[in-house]
C-alpha atoms as a PDB file:
ATOM      1  CA  MET A   1      -0.017  -0.005   0.104  1.00  0.00           C
ATOM      2  CA  THR A   2       1.035   3.476  -0.536  1.00  0.00           C
ATOM      3  CA  LYS A   3       0.356   6.899   0.865  1.00  0.00           C
ATOM      4  CA  LYS A   4       1.080  10.287  -0.455  1.00  0.00           C
ATOM      5  CA  LEU A   5       1.360  12.583   2.737  1.00  0.00           C
ATOM      6  CA  LEU A   6       2.398  16.072   3.590  1.00  0.00           C
ATOM      7  CA  LEU A   7       3.927  16.434   6.882  1.00  0.00           C
ATOM      8  CA  LEU A   8       3.972  20.077   8.843  1.00  0.00           C
ATOM      9  CA  PHE A   9       6.182  20.225  11.388  1.00  0.00           C
ATOM     10  CA  LYS A  10       6.594  22.493  14.354  1.00  0.00           C
ATOM     11  CA  LYS A  11       9.169  24.686  15.047  1.00  0.00           C
ATOM     12  CA  SER A  12       9.871  22.516  18.331  1.00  0.00           C
ATOM     13  CA  GLU A  13       9.642  19.288  15.910  1.00  0.00           C
ATOM     14  CA  ILE A  14      12.112  20.030  13.013  1.00  0.00           C
ATOM     15  CA  GLU A  15      15.121  18.426  14.363  1.00  0.00           C
ATOM     16  CA  LYS A  16      13.741  14.691  15.041  1.00  0.00           C
ATOM     17  CA  PRO A  17      14.816  11.871  13.039  1.00  0.00           C
ATOM     18  CA  ILE A  18      11.381  11.318  12.023  1.00  0.00           C
ATOM     19  CA  VAL A  19      11.933   9.410   8.836  1.00  0.00           C
ATOM     20  CA  TYR A  20      14.691   7.503  10.255  1.00  0.00           C
ATOM     21  CA  HIS A  21      11.664   6.142  12.603  1.00  0.00           C
ATOM     22  CA  LEU A  22       9.193   5.441   9.548  1.00  0.00           C
ATOM     23  CA  VAL A  23      11.857   3.316   8.326  1.00  0.00           C
ATOM     24  CA  LYS A  24      13.574   1.495  10.916  1.00  0.00           C
ATOM     25  CA  ASP A  25      10.559   1.224  13.371  1.00  0.00           C
ATOM     26  CA  TYR A  26       7.888   0.927  10.739  1.00  0.00           C
ATOM     27  CA  ASP A  27       9.423  -0.595   7.618  1.00  0.00           C
ATOM     28  CA  LEU A  28       8.393   1.545   5.216  1.00  0.00           C
ATOM     29  CA  ILE A  29       9.728   2.451   1.995  1.00  0.00           C
ATOM     30  CA  ILE A  30       9.782   6.055   1.946  1.00  0.00           C
ATOM     31  CA  ASN A  31       9.917   8.499  -1.319  1.00  0.00           C
ATOM     32  CA  ILE A  32      10.917  11.996  -0.400  1.00  0.00           C
ATOM     33  CA  PHE A  33       8.985  14.658  -3.239  1.00  0.00           C
ATOM     34  CA  ARG A  34      10.203  17.838  -1.517  1.00  0.00           C
ATOM     35  CA  ALA A  35      11.458  19.304   1.927  1.00  0.00           C
ATOM     36  CA  LYS A  36      11.691  22.605   3.356  1.00  0.00           C
ATOM     37  CA  ILE A  37      12.576  24.371   6.243  1.00  0.00           C
ATOM     38  CA  THR A  38      11.248  27.907   6.624  1.00  0.00           C
ATOM     39  CA  PRO A  39      12.956  30.788   8.015  1.00  0.00           C
ATOM     40  CA  ASP A  40      10.306  30.814  10.815  1.00  0.00           C
ATOM     41  CA  GLU A  41      11.736  27.078  11.168  1.00  0.00           C
ATOM     42  CA  TYR A  42       8.636  25.449  10.265  1.00  0.00           C
ATOM     43  CA  GLY A  43       9.201  21.801   8.067  1.00  0.00           C
ATOM     44  CA  TYR A  44       7.472  20.997   5.103  1.00  0.00           C
ATOM     45  CA  LEU A  45       7.700  17.281   4.074  1.00  0.00           C
ATOM     46  CA  ALA A  46       6.135  15.907   0.979  1.00  0.00           C
ATOM     47  CA  LEU A  47       6.255  11.947   0.639  1.00  0.00           C
ATOM     48  CA  ASP A  48       5.041   8.562  -0.645  1.00  0.00           C
ATOM     49  CA  VAL A  49       5.037   5.721   2.417  1.00  0.00           C
ATOM     50  CA  ASN A  50       4.772   2.297   1.194  1.00  0.00           C
ATOM     51  CA  GLY A  51       4.550  -0.795   3.322  1.00  0.00           C
ATOM     52  CA  LYS A  52       2.221  -2.654   4.986  1.00  0.00           C
ATOM     53  CA  GLU A  53      -1.119  -0.533   6.204  1.00  0.00           C
ATOM     54  CA  GLU A  54      -0.790  -2.427   9.367  1.00  0.00           C
ATOM     55  CA  ASN A  55       2.603  -0.614   9.317  1.00  0.00           C
ATOM     56  CA  ILE A  56       1.514   2.723   7.923  1.00  0.00           C
ATOM     57  CA  LYS A  57      -1.427   3.069   9.954  1.00  0.00           C
ATOM     58  CA  LYS A  58       0.949   2.748  13.094  1.00  0.00           C
ATOM     59  CA  ALA A  59       3.242   5.076  11.480  1.00  0.00           C
ATOM     60  CA  LEU A  60       0.734   7.678  11.214  1.00  0.00           C
ATOM     61  CA  LYS A  61      -0.125   7.409  14.917  1.00  0.00           C
ATOM     62  CA  PHE A  62       3.700   7.860  15.659  1.00  0.00           C
ATOM     63  CA  LEU A  63       3.435  11.137  13.762  1.00  0.00           C
ATOM     64  CA  LYS A  64       0.653  12.602  15.734  1.00  0.00           C
ATOM     65  CA  SER A  65       2.309  11.772  18.696  1.00  0.00           C
ATOM     66  CA  GLU A  66       5.099  13.643  17.652  1.00  0.00           C
ATOM     67  CA  ASN A  67       2.830  16.972  17.376  1.00  0.00           C
ATOM     68  CA  ILE A  68       3.235  16.481  13.359  1.00  0.00           C
ATOM     69  CA  GLU A  69       0.369  17.721  11.251  1.00  0.00           C
ATOM     70  CA  ILE A  70      -0.519  14.812   8.725  1.00  0.00           C
ATOM     71  CA  ASN A  71      -2.442  15.832   5.229  1.00  0.00           C
ATOM     72  CA  GLU A  72      -3.329  13.147   3.201  1.00  0.00           C
ATOM     73  CA  THR A  73      -5.125  15.134   0.636  1.00  0.00           C
ATOM     74  CA  ASP A  74      -2.776  18.212   0.112  1.00  0.00           C
ATOM     75  CA  LYS A  75       0.028  18.634  -1.435  1.00  0.00           C
ATOM     76  CA  GLY A  76       2.952  21.405  -1.501  1.00  0.00           C
ATOM     77  CA  ILE A  77       1.571  22.638  -4.974  1.00  0.00           C
ATOM     78  CA  ARG A  78      -1.795  24.850  -5.355  1.00  0.00           C
ATOM     79  CA  TRP A  79      -3.670  25.429  -8.306  1.00  0.00           C
ATOM     80  CA  ASN A  80      -5.242  28.715  -8.407  1.00  0.00           C
ATOM     81  CA  LYS A  81      -7.994  27.814 -10.917  1.00  0.00           C
ATOM     82  CA  ASN A  82      -9.786  31.521 -10.479  1.00  0.00           C
ATOM     83  CA  ALA A  83      -5.906  33.171 -11.436  1.00  0.00           C
ATOM     84  CA  CYS A  84      -5.266  30.783 -14.341  1.00  0.00           C
ATOM     85  CA  ILE A  85      -6.016  32.399 -17.943  1.00  0.00           C
ATOM     86  CA  GLN A  86      -5.926  28.874 -19.654  1.00  0.00           C
ATOM     87  CA  CYS A  87      -2.533  30.263 -21.751  1.00  0.00           C
ATOM     88  CA  GLY A  88      -1.589  26.366 -21.630  1.00  0.00           C
ATOM     89  CA  ASN A  89       2.177  27.363 -20.980  1.00  0.00           C
ATOM     90  CA  CYS A  90       2.281  25.234 -17.975  1.00  0.00           C
ATOM     91  CA  LEU A  91       1.027  21.994 -19.809  1.00  0.00           C
ATOM     92  CA  SER A  92       4.432  21.259 -21.990  1.00  0.00           C
ATOM     93  CA  HIS A  93       6.508  21.781 -18.426  1.00  0.00           C
ATOM     94  CA  CYS A  94       4.516  19.454 -16.773  1.00  0.00           C
ATOM     95  CA  PRO A  95       6.036  15.558 -16.844  1.00  0.00           C
ATOM     96  CA  THR A  96       3.223  13.761 -15.262  1.00  0.00           C
ATOM     97  CA  ASP A  97       0.371  15.631 -17.036  1.00  0.00           C
ATOM     98  CA  ALA A  98      -0.871  16.675 -13.713  1.00  0.00           C
ATOM     99  CA  LEU A  99      -1.785  19.989 -15.446  1.00  0.00           C
ATOM    100  CA  PHE A 100      -3.649  18.897 -18.767  1.00  0.00           C
ATOM    101  CA  ILE A 101      -6.513  19.753 -21.243  1.00  0.00           C
ATOM    102  CA  ALA A 102      -9.445  18.983 -19.844  1.00  0.00           C
ATOM    103  CA  ASP A 103     -11.776  19.610 -23.159  1.00  0.00           C
ATOM    104  CA  ARG A 104     -10.146  20.155 -26.449  1.00  0.00           C
ATOM    105  CA  LYS A 105     -12.619  22.318 -27.910  1.00  0.00           C
ATOM    106  CA  SER A 106     -12.507  25.101 -24.786  1.00  0.00           C
ATOM    107  CA  ARG A 107      -8.976  23.988 -24.428  1.00  0.00           C
ATOM    108  CA  ARG A 108      -9.916  24.114 -20.267  1.00  0.00           C
ATOM    109  CA  VAL A 109      -6.607  23.596 -18.521  1.00  0.00           C
ATOM    110  CA  GLU A 110      -7.200  21.548 -15.154  1.00  0.00           C
ATOM    111  CA  TYR A 111      -5.158  19.753 -12.584  1.00  0.00           C
ATOM    112  CA  ASP A 112      -4.885  16.521 -11.161  1.00  0.00           C
ATOM    113  CA  ILE A 113      -3.585  16.213  -7.832  1.00  0.00           C
ATOM    114  CA  GLU A 114      -2.887  12.776  -7.934  1.00  0.00           C
ATOM    115  CA  LYS A 115      -0.628  12.792 -10.960  1.00  0.00           C
ATOM    116  CA  CYS A 116       1.776  15.676  -9.126  1.00  0.00           C
ATOM    117  CA  VAL A 117       5.086  14.515  -8.241  1.00  0.00           C
ATOM    118  CA  GLN A 118       5.723  18.629  -6.745  1.00  0.00           C
ATOM    119  CA  CYS A 119       8.549  19.113  -9.356  1.00  0.00           C
ATOM    120  CA  LEU A 120       7.752  22.947  -9.061  1.00  0.00           C
ATOM    121  CA  SER A 121       8.037  23.172 -12.934  1.00  0.00           C
ATOM    122  CA  CYS A 122       4.748  24.697 -13.102  1.00  0.00           C
ATOM    123  CA  THR A 123       5.521  27.203 -10.409  1.00  0.00           C
ATOM    124  CA  GLU A 124       8.443  28.696 -12.359  1.00  0.00           C
ATOM    125  CA  ASN A 125       6.380  28.531 -15.735  1.00  0.00           C
ATOM    126  CA  CYS A 126       2.961  30.012 -15.254  1.00  0.00           C
ATOM    127  CA  PRO A 127       3.765  33.589 -15.557  1.00  0.00           C
ATOM    128  CA  PHE A 128       0.049  34.424 -14.198  1.00  0.00           C
ATOM    129  CA  GLY A 129       0.819  32.817 -10.791  1.00  0.00           C
ATOM    130  CA  ALA A 130      -1.756  30.248 -10.779  1.00  0.00           C
ATOM    131  CA  CYS A 131       0.436  27.272  -9.903  1.00  0.00           C
ATOM    132  CA  GLN A 132       1.875  28.133  -6.244  1.00  0.00           C
ATOM    133  CA  SER A 133       4.419  26.251  -3.858  1.00  0.00           C
ATOM    134  CA  ILE A 134       4.243  26.398  -0.169  1.00  0.00           C
ATOM    135  CA  TYR A 135       7.982  25.894  -0.257  1.00  0.00           C
ATOM    136  CA  PHE A 136       9.333  28.903  -2.338  1.00  0.00           C
ATOM    137  CA  LYS A 137       7.164  32.520  -1.452  1.00  0.00           C
END
Protein backbone atom coordinates (compact mmCIF):
# COMPACT_ATOMS: atom_id res chain seq x y z
CA MET A 1 0.00 0.00 0.00
CA THR A 2 1.22 3.54 -0.79
CA LYS A 3 0.03 6.79 0.78
CA LYS A 4 0.94 10.30 -0.29
CA LEU A 5 1.45 12.58 2.69
CA LEU A 6 2.22 16.20 3.37
CA LEU A 7 3.75 16.55 6.83
CA LEU A 8 3.91 19.91 8.59
CA PHE A 9 6.42 20.21 11.42
CA LYS A 10 6.28 22.83 14.13
CA LYS A 11 9.48 24.57 15.17
CA SER A 12 9.99 22.23 18.12
CA GLU A 13 9.78 19.12 15.92
CA ILE A 14 12.10 19.84 12.98
CA GLU A 15 15.25 18.29 14.42
CA LYS A 16 13.73 14.89 15.18
CA PRO A 17 14.78 11.92 12.98
CA ILE A 18 11.22 11.24 11.79
CA VAL A 19 12.05 9.56 8.46
CA TYR A 20 14.56 7.30 10.21
CA HIS A 21 11.81 6.11 12.57
CA LEU A 22 9.36 5.52 9.71
CA VAL A 23 11.90 3.30 7.96
CA LYS A 24 13.41 1.50 10.95
CA ASP A 25 10.48 1.19 13.37
CA TYR A 26 7.62 0.75 10.90
CA ASP A 27 9.38 -1.00 7.98
CA LEU A 28 8.24 1.60 5.45
CA ILE A 29 9.76 2.61 2.15
CA ILE A 30 9.92 6.40 1.91
CA ASN A 31 10.06 8.47 -1.28
CA ILE A 32 10.60 12.14 -0.46
CA PHE A 33 9.36 14.52 -3.16
CA ARG A 34 10.03 17.84 -1.48
CA ALA A 35 11.23 19.13 1.87
CA LYS A 36 11.82 22.57 3.30
CA ILE A 37 12.39 24.35 6.55
CA THR A 38 11.14 27.93 6.44
CA PRO A 39 13.05 30.91 7.88
CA ASP A 40 10.63 30.69 10.83
CA GLU A 41 11.77 27.06 11.22
CA TYR A 42 8.56 25.33 10.29
CA GLY A 43 9.08 22.22 8.22
CA TYR A 44 7.26 20.77 5.22
CA LEU A 45 7.82 17.26 3.94
CA ALA A 46 5.99 15.80 0.94
CA LEU A 47 6.45 12.06 0.59
CA ASP A 48 5.08 8.67 -0.34
CA VAL A 49 5.08 5.97 2.32
CA ASN A 50 4.91 2.41 1.09
CA GLY A 51 4.41 -0.68 3.22
CA LYS A 52 1.87 -2.86 4.92
CA GLU A 53 -1.38 -1.08 5.74
CA GLU A 54 -1.04 -2.00 9.42
CA ASN A 55 2.47 -0.48 9.56
CA ILE A 56 1.31 2.71 7.85
CA LYS A 57 -1.50 3.09 10.39
CA LYS A 58 0.98 2.66 13.25
CA ALA A 59 3.35 5.15 11.64
CA LEU A 60 0.57 7.73 11.27
CA LYS A 61 -0.27 7.28 14.94
CA PHE A 62 3.41 7.81 15.78
CA LEU A 63 3.56 11.00 13.68
CA LYS A 64 0.51 12.41 15.44
CA SER A 65 2.06 11.59 18.82
CA GLU A 66 5.09 13.67 17.73
CA ASN A 67 2.85 16.72 17.08
CA ILE A 68 3.30 16.48 13.33
CA GLU A 69 0.34 17.62 11.26
CA ILE A 70 -0.56 15.07 8.59
CA ASN A 71 -2.42 15.97 5.45
CA GLU A 72 -3.24 12.99 3.23
CA THR A 73 -5.08 14.94 0.56
CA ASP A 74 -3.03 18.07 0.07
CA LYS A 75 0.32 18.69 -1.53
CA GLY A 76 2.83 21.45 -1.58
CA ILE A 77 1.53 22.73 -4.93
CA ARG A 78 -1.53 24.93 -5.11
CA TRP A 79 -3.33 25.49 -8.39
CA ASN A 80 -5.56 28.56 -8.37
CA LYS A 81 -8.18 27.87 -11.00
CA ASN A 82 -9.37 31.50 -10.85
CA ALA A 83 -5.88 32.89 -11.56
CA CYS A 84 -5.40 30.54 -14.54
CA ILE A 85 -6.09 32.28 -17.86
CA GLN A 86 -5.88 29.00 -19.82
CA CYS A 87 -2.71 30.03 -21.69
CA GLY A 88 -1.41 26.44 -21.59
CA ASN A 89 2.18 27.47 -20.87
CA CYS A 90 2.34 24.98 -17.98
CA LEU A 91 1.32 21.97 -20.08
CA SER A 92 4.61 21.30 -21.80
CA HIS A 93 6.49 21.66 -18.51
CA CYS A 94 4.43 19.15 -16.52
CA PRO A 95 6.17 15.74 -16.77
CA THR A 96 3.26 13.73 -15.36
CA ASP A 97 0.34 15.46 -17.11
CA ALA A 98 -1.03 16.61 -13.75
CA LEU A 99 -1.86 19.80 -15.65
CA PHE A 100 -3.78 18.84 -18.75
CA ILE A 101 -6.36 19.93 -21.31
CA ALA A 102 -9.68 18.72 -19.94
CA ASP A 103 -11.75 19.79 -22.93
CA ARG A 104 -10.10 19.99 -26.37
CA LYS A 105 -12.83 22.22 -27.73
CA SER A 106 -12.55 24.93 -25.08
CA ARG A 107 -8.83 24.25 -24.35
CA ARG A 108 -9.67 24.37 -20.63
CA VAL A 109 -6.71 23.48 -18.37
CA GLU A 110 -7.32 21.32 -15.30
CA TYR A 111 -5.14 19.96 -12.50
CA ASP A 112 -5.05 16.37 -11.21
CA ILE A 113 -3.45 16.45 -7.76
CA GLU A 114 -2.99 12.66 -7.77
CA LYS A 115 -0.59 12.85 -10.72
CA CYS A 116 1.46 15.74 -9.31
CA VAL A 117 4.99 14.86 -8.13
CA GLN A 118 5.73 18.42 -6.99
CA CYS A 119 8.58 19.02 -9.42
CA LEU A 120 7.71 22.76 -9.33
CA SER A 121 8.02 23.18 -13.11
CA CYS A 122 4.55 24.68 -13.22
CA THR A 123 5.41 27.31 -10.61
CA GLU A 124 8.47 28.36 -12.58
CA ASN A 125 6.59 28.57 -15.88
CA CYS A 126 3.22 30.07 -15.00
CA PRO A 127 3.36 33.77 -15.88
CA PHE A 128 0.16 34.48 -13.91
CA GLY A 129 0.89 32.74 -10.61
CA ALA A 130 -1.87 30.17 -10.95
CA CYS A 131 0.59 27.51 -9.82
CA GLN A 132 2.17 28.22 -6.44
CA SER A 133 4.35 26.35 -4.00
CA ILE A 134 4.10 26.29 -0.22
CA TYR A 135 7.87 25.75 -0.20
CA PHE A 136 8.97 28.89 -2.02
CA LYS A 137 7.19 32.20 -1.86
